[in-house]
Protein backbone atom coordinates (compact mmCIF):
# COMPACT_ATOMS: atom_id res chain seq x y z
CA MET A 1 56.31 6.90 -23.03
CA GLY A 2 54.81 8.16 -20.06
CA ALA A 3 52.53 5.05 -18.36
CA ALA A 4 52.74 4.41 -22.59
CA LEU A 5 56.39 2.33 -21.72
CA ALA A 6 55.71 1.19 -18.12
CA SER A 7 56.22 -1.92 -18.75
CA VAL A 8 59.95 -1.45 -18.22
CA VAL A 9 59.71 -0.67 -14.29
CA ALA A 10 61.42 -4.14 -14.58
CA LEU A 11 64.38 -3.39 -15.94
CA ALA A 12 64.34 -0.83 -12.49
CA THR A 13 66.44 -3.34 -10.73
CA LEU A 14 69.55 -3.40 -13.17
CA THR A 15 69.79 0.53 -13.19
CA SER A 16 69.45 3.38 -10.88
CA CYS A 17 66.98 5.92 -12.13
CA ALA A 18 69.30 8.88 -10.23
CA GLU A 19 71.37 8.85 -12.68
CA LYS A 20 72.78 11.87 -13.65
CA PRO A 21 71.08 13.32 -16.85
CA LYS A 22 72.79 12.89 -20.45
CA ASP A 23 73.68 16.34 -21.75
CA ALA A 24 72.75 15.48 -25.92
CA GLY A 25 75.98 18.07 -27.35
CA ASP A 26 77.75 20.72 -26.21
CA LYS A 27 76.66 23.51 -23.77
CA VAL A 28 75.86 25.36 -26.21
CA GLY A 29 72.45 26.29 -28.19
CA GLU A 30 69.00 26.66 -25.98
CA SER A 31 68.15 24.51 -23.45
CA VAL A 32 65.95 22.26 -23.91
CA THR A 33 65.11 18.89 -20.55
CA VAL A 34 63.54 16.28 -22.06
CA GLY A 35 61.19 13.47 -19.61
CA LEU A 36 61.63 10.20 -20.67
CA THR A 37 59.41 8.46 -18.63
CA TYR A 38 60.96 5.44 -16.27
CA THR A 39 64.38 3.49 -16.69
CA PRO A 40 66.32 3.99 -19.80
CA ASN A 41 65.21 1.18 -22.63
CA ILE A 42 65.82 0.64 -26.25
CA GLN A 43 62.14 2.17 -26.79
CA PHE A 44 63.52 5.92 -26.34
CA ALA A 45 66.16 5.32 -28.65
CA PRO A 46 65.10 8.13 -30.90
CA PHE A 47 66.18 10.52 -28.55
CA TYR A 48 69.11 8.50 -28.25
CA VAL A 49 70.14 8.87 -31.68
CA ALA A 50 69.17 12.14 -32.11
CA ALA A 51 72.05 13.26 -28.85
CA GLU A 52 74.17 10.49 -30.66
CA LYS A 53 74.28 12.03 -34.23
CA GLY A 54 74.11 15.75 -33.33
CA TYR A 55 70.82 16.29 -34.64
CA TYR A 56 69.97 18.51 -31.37
CA LYS A 57 73.11 20.04 -31.67
CA ASP A 58 72.68 20.67 -35.51
CA ALA A 59 69.47 22.33 -34.65
CA GLY A 60 71.07 25.49 -32.26
CA LEU A 61 69.91 23.18 -28.96
CA ASN A 62 71.21 22.14 -25.94
CA VAL A 63 69.05 18.77 -24.69
CA THR A 64 69.37 16.96 -21.62
CA LEU A 65 67.65 13.92 -21.58
CA ARG A 66 66.10 13.43 -18.16
CA HIS A 67 65.37 9.82 -17.26
CA HIS A 68 62.23 9.90 -14.42
CA GLY A 69 62.49 7.52 -11.80
CA ALA A 70 59.56 4.89 -10.95
CA ALA A 71 57.87 6.39 -8.23
CA GLU A 72 57.70 9.90 -10.26
CA ASP A 73 54.52 11.71 -11.57
CA LEU A 74 54.51 11.54 -14.90
CA PHE A 75 53.76 15.08 -15.24
CA GLY A 76 55.50 16.43 -11.70
CA ALA A 77 58.66 18.00 -13.66
CA LEU A 78 56.74 19.56 -16.47
CA LYS A 79 54.83 21.30 -13.75
CA SER A 80 57.81 22.24 -11.48
CA GLY A 81 59.61 24.26 -14.59
CA LYS A 82 62.32 20.92 -14.64
CA GLU A 83 61.15 19.76 -17.61
CA ASP A 84 60.18 21.19 -20.85
CA VAL A 85 59.15 18.73 -22.85
CA VAL A 86 57.62 14.84 -21.86
CA TYR A 87 57.32 11.71 -23.84
CA ALA A 88 54.15 10.21 -22.64
CA GLY A 89 50.56 8.89 -24.39
CA GLY A 90 48.11 11.05 -25.84
CA ASP A 91 45.45 9.12 -23.99
CA GLU A 92 48.13 10.42 -20.76
CA MET A 93 47.80 13.80 -21.65
CA LEU A 94 43.90 14.04 -22.18
CA GLN A 95 43.86 13.07 -18.54
CA ALA A 96 46.17 15.68 -17.67
CA ARG A 97 44.48 18.54 -19.44
CA SER A 98 41.25 17.48 -17.87
CA LYS A 99 42.85 18.23 -14.13
CA ASN A 100 43.51 21.78 -15.78
CA LEU A 101 47.05 20.94 -17.19
CA PRO A 102 47.14 22.68 -20.65
CA ILE A 103 49.65 20.38 -22.03
CA VAL A 104 50.26 20.15 -26.03
CA ASP A 105 50.94 16.84 -28.07
CA ILE A 106 52.97 18.08 -30.66
CA ALA A 107 54.10 15.38 -32.10
CA THR A 108 52.70 11.70 -31.75
CA PHE A 109 55.59 8.83 -32.32
CA TYR A 110 53.27 6.34 -31.90
CA GLN A 111 50.82 5.81 -34.63
CA LYS A 112 49.18 2.21 -33.56
CA TYR A 113 48.59 1.82 -30.24
CA PRO A 114 50.82 -0.17 -28.61
CA VAL A 115 49.41 -2.77 -26.42
CA GLY A 116 47.17 -5.77 -26.24
CA LEU A 117 45.62 -8.83 -24.19
CA ILE A 118 48.38 -11.79 -24.23
CA VAL A 119 47.43 -14.54 -24.08
CA PRO A 120 48.49 -18.76 -24.61
CA LYS A 121 48.64 -19.45 -28.42
CA GLU A 122 45.84 -22.86 -27.23
CA SER A 123 44.11 -20.13 -25.21
CA ASP A 124 40.45 -20.06 -26.44
CA ILE A 125 40.13 -16.57 -25.87
CA LYS A 126 40.04 -15.03 -30.02
CA LYS A 127 38.05 -12.16 -29.40
CA PRO A 128 36.90 -9.07 -27.22
CA THR A 129 33.36 -11.22 -26.91
CA ASP A 130 35.37 -14.32 -25.34
CA LEU A 131 36.56 -11.58 -22.93
CA LYS A 132 33.53 -12.19 -20.40
CA GLY A 133 33.53 -14.00 -17.02
CA ARG A 134 37.49 -14.43 -17.49
CA THR A 135 40.34 -13.77 -15.13
CA LEU A 136 42.28 -11.06 -17.09
CA GLY A 137 45.62 -8.94 -14.88
CA THR A 138 46.88 -5.74 -15.46
CA PRO A 139 49.37 -3.63 -13.92
CA GLY A 140 46.97 -1.40 -12.52
CA PRO A 141 43.80 0.60 -13.14
CA TYR A 142 46.11 3.48 -14.69
CA GLY A 143 48.00 3.82 -17.89
CA GLU A 144 47.86 2.85 -21.36
CA THR A 145 47.75 -1.10 -20.76
CA TYR A 146 44.47 -0.20 -18.73
CA PHE A 147 42.97 2.02 -21.21
CA GLY A 148 43.78 -0.59 -23.85
CA LEU A 149 41.92 -3.04 -21.88
CA LEU A 150 38.74 -1.20 -21.23
CA ALA A 151 38.87 -0.36 -25.14
CA LEU A 152 39.04 -4.09 -25.51
CA LEU A 153 36.40 -5.12 -23.30
CA LYS A 154 33.87 -1.82 -25.04
CA GLU A 155 34.15 -3.60 -28.57
CA GLY A 156 33.15 -6.66 -27.14
CA GLY A 157 30.67 -5.02 -25.76
CA LEU A 158 31.76 -5.56 -21.53
CA SER A 159 33.46 -3.93 -19.23
CA VAL A 160 35.13 -4.59 -15.91
CA LYS A 161 32.40 -5.80 -14.20
CA ASP A 162 31.99 -8.29 -17.06
CA ALA A 163 35.26 -10.18 -16.40
CA ASP A 164 37.41 -10.30 -12.99
CA VAL A 165 40.55 -8.13 -13.45
CA LYS A 166 43.04 -8.76 -11.31
CA ASN A 167 46.10 -5.82 -11.04
CA ILE A 168 49.22 -7.98 -10.58
CA GLY A 169 52.02 -4.98 -10.87
CA PHE A 170 54.71 -5.42 -13.74
CA THR A 171 54.60 -9.29 -12.85
CA GLN A 172 53.07 -10.11 -16.36
CA GLN A 173 54.93 -13.30 -17.31
CA ALA A 174 55.03 -15.16 -13.88
CA ALA A 175 51.14 -14.45 -14.15
CA LEU A 176 50.34 -15.79 -16.80
CA THR A 177 53.29 -18.82 -16.36
CA GLY A 178 51.70 -19.75 -13.25
CA LYS A 179 48.19 -19.51 -14.62
CA LYS A 180 47.02 -16.77 -12.06
CA VAL A 181 45.32 -14.85 -14.85
CA GLU A 182 44.15 -16.08 -18.12
CA GLY A 183 45.71 -13.02 -19.46
CA VAL A 184 47.57 -10.00 -19.45
CA MET A 185 47.72 -7.02 -20.51
CA GLY A 186 51.27 -5.54 -22.13
CA TYR A 187 52.95 -4.15 -24.70
CA LEU A 188 53.28 -5.62 -28.05
CA ASN A 189 57.01 -4.44 -29.23
CA ASN A 190 58.28 -5.48 -25.04
CA ASP A 191 55.79 -7.76 -23.35
CA ALA A 192 55.65 -10.13 -25.84
CA ILE A 193 58.64 -10.59 -27.08
CA ALA A 194 59.32 -11.05 -23.33
CA PHE A 195 57.16 -14.26 -23.29
CA GLN A 196 58.55 -14.95 -26.65
CA GLU A 197 62.21 -15.55 -24.96
CA ALA A 198 61.35 -17.28 -22.21
CA GLY A 199 59.98 -19.67 -24.79
CA LYS A 200 56.67 -19.32 -23.59
CA GLU A 201 54.40 -19.65 -27.06
CA VAL A 202 52.24 -16.79 -26.77
CA ARG A 203 49.91 -14.65 -28.83
CA ALA A 204 47.86 -11.11 -28.38
CA LEU A 205 44.56 -9.74 -28.32
CA THR A 206 45.17 -5.94 -29.83
CA LEU A 207 42.46 -3.30 -30.64
CA ASP A 208 40.52 -3.42 -33.92
CA GLY A 209 38.53 -0.04 -34.51
CA GLY A 210 37.91 -0.81 -37.73
CA ALA A 211 38.04 1.51 -40.53
CA GLU A 212 37.59 4.50 -37.93
CA GLY A 213 40.70 3.19 -36.13
CA ASP A 214 41.82 3.00 -32.47
CA PRO A 215 39.86 4.63 -29.65
CA LEU A 216 43.16 5.59 -28.56
CA VAL A 217 46.06 7.77 -29.39
CA GLY A 218 49.61 6.74 -28.34
CA VAL A 219 53.06 8.07 -26.93
CA GLY A 220 53.95 11.80 -27.96
CA ILE A 221 55.97 14.70 -26.96
CA GLY A 222 53.92 16.82 -24.65
CA VAL A 223 54.65 20.48 -24.02
CA GLU A 224 52.27 23.31 -21.79
CA LYS A 225 50.99 25.95 -23.75
CA LYS A 226 53.22 28.24 -22.07
CA THR A 227 55.82 26.81 -23.44
CA LEU A 228 54.80 27.00 -26.84
CA ASP A 229 53.75 30.46 -26.86
CA LYS A 230 57.36 31.58 -25.86
CA ARG A 231 59.81 29.12 -27.46
CA GLY A 232 57.52 27.52 -30.32
CA ASP A 233 60.75 28.07 -32.68
CA ASP A 234 63.14 26.01 -30.33
CA MET A 235 59.80 23.48 -29.80
CA LYS A 236 59.77 22.84 -33.78
CA LYS A 237 63.63 22.17 -33.80
CA PHE A 238 63.46 20.20 -30.85
CA VAL A 239 60.24 17.93 -32.99
CA GLU A 240 62.74 17.86 -36.11
CA ALA A 241 65.35 16.82 -34.84
CA SER A 242 63.80 14.17 -32.63
CA LEU A 243 62.15 13.22 -35.46
CA ARG A 244 65.38 12.35 -37.22
CA GLY A 245 66.14 10.61 -34.94
CA LEU A 246 63.42 8.29 -34.86
CA ARG A 247 64.13 8.01 -38.98
CA TYR A 248 67.65 6.80 -38.48
CA ALA A 249 66.42 4.37 -35.54
CA ILE A 250 63.73 2.74 -38.36
CA ASP A 251 66.48 2.31 -41.04
CA ASN A 252 69.50 1.37 -39.41
CA PRO A 253 68.01 -0.41 -36.44
CA GLU A 254 71.98 -2.40 -35.44
CA GLU A 255 73.33 0.69 -35.25
CA THR A 256 70.94 2.19 -33.14
CA VAL A 257 71.13 0.04 -31.00
CA LYS A 258 74.66 0.46 -30.97
CA LEU A 259 74.39 3.89 -29.93
CA SER A 260 71.91 3.42 -27.19
CA GLU A 261 74.88 1.52 -25.39
CA LYS A 262 75.65 4.36 -24.09
CA TYR A 263 72.06 5.29 -22.38
CA VAL A 264 70.88 1.86 -21.91
CA PRO A 265 73.68 -0.16 -19.25
CA GLY A 266 74.57 -3.08 -19.78
CA LEU A 267 72.90 -2.89 -23.35
CA GLY A 268 76.62 -3.97 -24.53
CA ASP A 269 75.40 -7.51 -23.33
CA SER A 270 74.99 -9.67 -26.02
CA LYS A 271 71.75 -11.31 -24.42
CA ARG A 272 70.52 -8.22 -23.73
CA HIS A 273 71.51 -6.56 -27.01
CA LYS A 274 69.69 -9.25 -29.28
CA ASN A 275 66.74 -8.39 -26.90
CA ALA A 276 66.88 -4.58 -27.90
CA LEU A 277 66.99 -5.31 -31.50
CA ALA A 278 63.99 -7.66 -31.25
CA VAL A 279 62.07 -4.45 -28.95
CA LEU A 280 63.50 -2.33 -31.95
CA LYS A 281 62.08 -3.56 -34.42
CA ALA A 282 58.58 -4.26 -32.92
CA THR A 283 58.49 -1.02 -32.33
CA THR A 284 59.59 1.01 -35.18
CA PRO A 285 57.04 -0.33 -37.47
CA MET A 286 54.08 1.15 -35.18
CA MET A 287 55.05 4.71 -35.32
CA GLN A 288 54.66 4.72 -38.72
CA ASN A 289 51.09 5.90 -40.02
CA ASP A 290 50.04 3.56 -43.08
CA ALA A 291 51.53 6.64 -45.21
CA GLY A 292 54.84 6.19 -43.69
CA ASP A 293 54.61 9.44 -41.74
CA LEU A 294 56.25 10.50 -39.15
CA GLY A 295 55.06 12.07 -35.96
CA ALA A 296 51.04 13.28 -36.75
CA ASN A 297 48.13 13.79 -35.13
CA ASP A 298 44.82 12.43 -36.10
CA PRO A 299 42.13 14.49 -35.67
CA GLN A 300 39.56 12.14 -35.72
CA SER A 301 41.85 10.04 -33.33
CA TRP A 302 41.74 12.53 -31.05
CA SER A 303 37.91 13.09 -31.03
CA ARG A 304 37.40 9.47 -30.69
CA MET A 305 39.68 9.49 -27.51
CA ALA A 306 38.09 12.46 -26.07
CA ASP A 307 34.58 10.33 -26.20
CA PHE A 308 35.94 7.20 -24.83
CA MET A 309 37.99 8.27 -22.54
CA TYR A 310 34.87 10.33 -20.96
CA GLU A 311 32.56 7.74 -21.20
CA GLN A 312 34.41 5.29 -19.43
CA GLY A 313 34.89 7.76 -16.66
CA LEU A 314 38.72 8.75 -16.95
CA LEU A 315 38.53 12.34 -17.44
CA GLU A 316 37.80 14.49 -14.11
CA LYS A 317 35.92 16.70 -16.44
CA THR A 318 35.11 16.83 -20.43
CA VAL A 319 38.23 18.71 -22.09
CA THR A 320 37.84 20.27 -25.90
CA PRO A 321 40.50 17.56 -27.91
CA GLU A 322 41.11 19.92 -30.40
CA GLU A 323 43.16 22.23 -27.99
CA ALA A 324 44.82 18.69 -26.36
CA TYR A 325 47.00 18.62 -29.97
CA SER A 326 48.90 19.97 -32.74
CA ASN A 327 50.81 19.72 -35.57
CA ASP A 328 52.03 23.86 -36.59
CA TYR A 329 55.17 21.79 -35.15
CA LEU A 330 56.09 19.02 -37.38
CA PRO A 331 58.50 19.70 -40.00
CA LYS A 332 56.80 21.04 -43.02
CA ALA A 333 56.63 18.59 -45.94
């Protein structure tokens, strides 16, 4: 999840990012190296499940799951050829395209944008227009939490100039609890749960694009165009196997957490197991559209996002949204 999962960087002290990559199956089949950004976390469970259940092997693939270091460039390994696939936000892929990296989203996992402004339950911040003049915290001016903040402000007819935006790193809980800010941008399926587990009653102000939907596209599978041209069949097999893993994770959360213990250090601990289950149960509903479909890219969402990101100065140049995604690699109904 590219920065789509950036909040899990806070877990970096629990595990080394330099671990030997996990091979998903026997050394037989076409090799595919997948960039799973940042430290191992239950939010990457669909890939762990596909590995452990043998879905990649069934597809004739030898898949290596590679977690990035916290300081690693999101698309660096993809550009250098060390990775064939990267799990990143659609918005981040669009930025990369504006910097001349021809990356294509071939399956969007997060059908609902996963970030929001987390505020104390008693806060008088109720709607985007209430953000004017408020002190708001975000990890930094990048990634999904920042893009989400810009979108919330726009919904309220505001910009970052209308609020006091502070870059707080991944210290959302301390910043809000310590009243250094009035609200923090975080992940609804991770940060919000961390507040609840700490006994802090919070609620979240989320994007509401109305009938048109969110102006941003969440995390998906990104592949360079040259790889699609050369290995299109392999990528179709990879997407199908990964979506099988996602479907299993949705239908079998308890078993999924158990399967993920091999990949997420310390997950066998009862407290971390309980947290992982809560995160997974909050995550999987976001990965289905209203029809229950998995992986689909919505053309209107991509078009709206391209316009929004260009208006906000988040793209170095205009991009053609139709070239940034494809549904041709999804399993046929």
